[in-house]
Amino acid sequence: MLLNESILGEWHMAIGLTEPFVTRWAHCADLVILGQRIPDHDTGLYHPEDVVLSCSRPVLVILMPAVGRTGSARMC
């Protein structure tokens, strides 16, 4: 995915408990970027708040405007 867009970076995948895996890799990063949990899609990251509270790094959570809402999306 990164090569298709000519973006320099790393993509890591895990099988099993995702929160400890992400937290361990977060200690090597300057910024952690997490996507919002999507109820209908299994990403393996069931408790992103565990990563936020335990990784000791700044975390940017990308919110999906339509997830879990009825009606129009808003930006705050």
Protein backbone atom coordinates (compact mmCIF):
# COMPACT_ATOMS: atom_id res chain seq x y z
CA MET A 1 0.00 0.00 0.00
CA LEU A 2 2.77 2.45 0.87
CA LEU A 3 4.79 1.60 -2.27
CA ASN A 4 1.76 2.22 -4.49
CA GLU A 5 1.63 5.80 -3.22
CA SER A 6 5.43 6.27 -3.11
CA ILE A 7 5.31 6.89 0.64
CA LEU A 8 8.30 6.04 2.83
CA GLY A 9 7.18 4.12 5.89
CA GLU A 10 6.55 0.72 7.45
CA TRP A 11 3.44 -1.41 7.68
CA HIS A 12 3.23 -4.08 10.39
CA MET A 13 0.65 -6.83 10.75
CA ALA A 14 0.04 -9.10 13.72
CA ILE A 15 -1.84 -12.30 14.42
CA GLY A 16 -3.14 -12.67 17.94
CA LEU A 17 -3.40 -9.98 20.59
CA THR A 18 -3.08 -6.70 18.73
CA GLU A 19 -2.90 -4.21 21.62
CA PRO A 20 0.40 -5.55 23.08
CA PHE A 21 1.89 -5.79 19.58
CA VAL A 22 1.01 -2.17 18.72
CA THR A 23 2.15 -0.93 22.13
CA ARG A 24 5.52 -2.68 21.76
CA TRP A 25 6.11 -1.15 18.30
CA ALA A 26 4.88 2.26 19.50
CA HIS A 27 7.86 2.56 21.82
CA CYS A 28 10.06 2.78 18.70
CA ALA A 29 7.96 5.49 17.03
CA ASP A 30 7.62 9.26 17.30
CA LEU A 31 3.88 9.14 16.53
CA VAL A 32 1.30 6.36 16.58
CA ILE A 33 -1.61 6.60 14.14
CA LEU A 34 -4.67 4.45 14.86
CA GLY A 35 -7.91 4.15 12.97
CA GLN A 36 -11.21 4.28 14.77
CA ARG A 37 -12.74 0.89 15.59
CA ILE A 38 -15.38 -0.03 13.03
CA PRO A 39 -18.09 -2.24 14.60
CA ASP A 40 -18.85 -4.16 11.37
CA HIS A 41 -15.19 -4.78 10.44
CA ASP A 42 -12.79 -6.94 12.44
CA THR A 43 -9.41 -5.20 12.64
CA GLY A 44 -8.20 -7.08 15.71
CA LEU A 45 -7.74 -3.84 17.64
CA TYR A 46 -10.70 -4.07 20.02
CA HIS A 47 -9.48 -1.63 22.66
CA PRO A 48 -7.50 1.22 21.07
CA GLU A 49 -7.69 3.06 24.38
CA ASP A 50 -5.34 0.44 25.86
CA VAL A 51 -2.73 1.42 23.26
CA VAL A 52 -3.27 5.14 23.92
CA LEU A 53 -2.83 4.72 27.67
CA SER A 54 0.13 2.34 27.62
CA CYS A 55 2.35 3.32 24.68
CA SER A 56 3.87 6.53 26.18
CA ARG A 57 3.83 8.19 22.76
CA PRO A 58 1.59 10.75 21.08
CA VAL A 59 -1.34 9.02 19.38
CA LEU A 60 -3.44 10.33 16.50
CA VAL A 61 -6.79 8.54 16.17
CA ILE A 62 -8.34 8.90 12.73
CA LEU A 63 -12.11 9.18 13.14
CA MET A 64 -14.51 7.93 10.52
CA PRO A 65 -17.43 10.41 10.34
CA ALA A 66 -20.11 7.84 9.47
CA VAL A 67 -19.15 5.14 11.98
CA GLY A 68 -21.85 4.52 14.56
CA ARG A 69 -23.88 7.58 13.66
CA THR A 70 -27.19 8.15 12.03
CA GLY A 71 -27.73 11.38 10.18
CA SER A 72 -25.10 13.76 8.86
CA ALA A 73 -21.47 13.73 9.87
CA ARG A 74 -19.93 16.63 11.80
CA MET A 75 -16.41 17.75 12.46
CA CYS A 76 -15.56 19.07 15.92
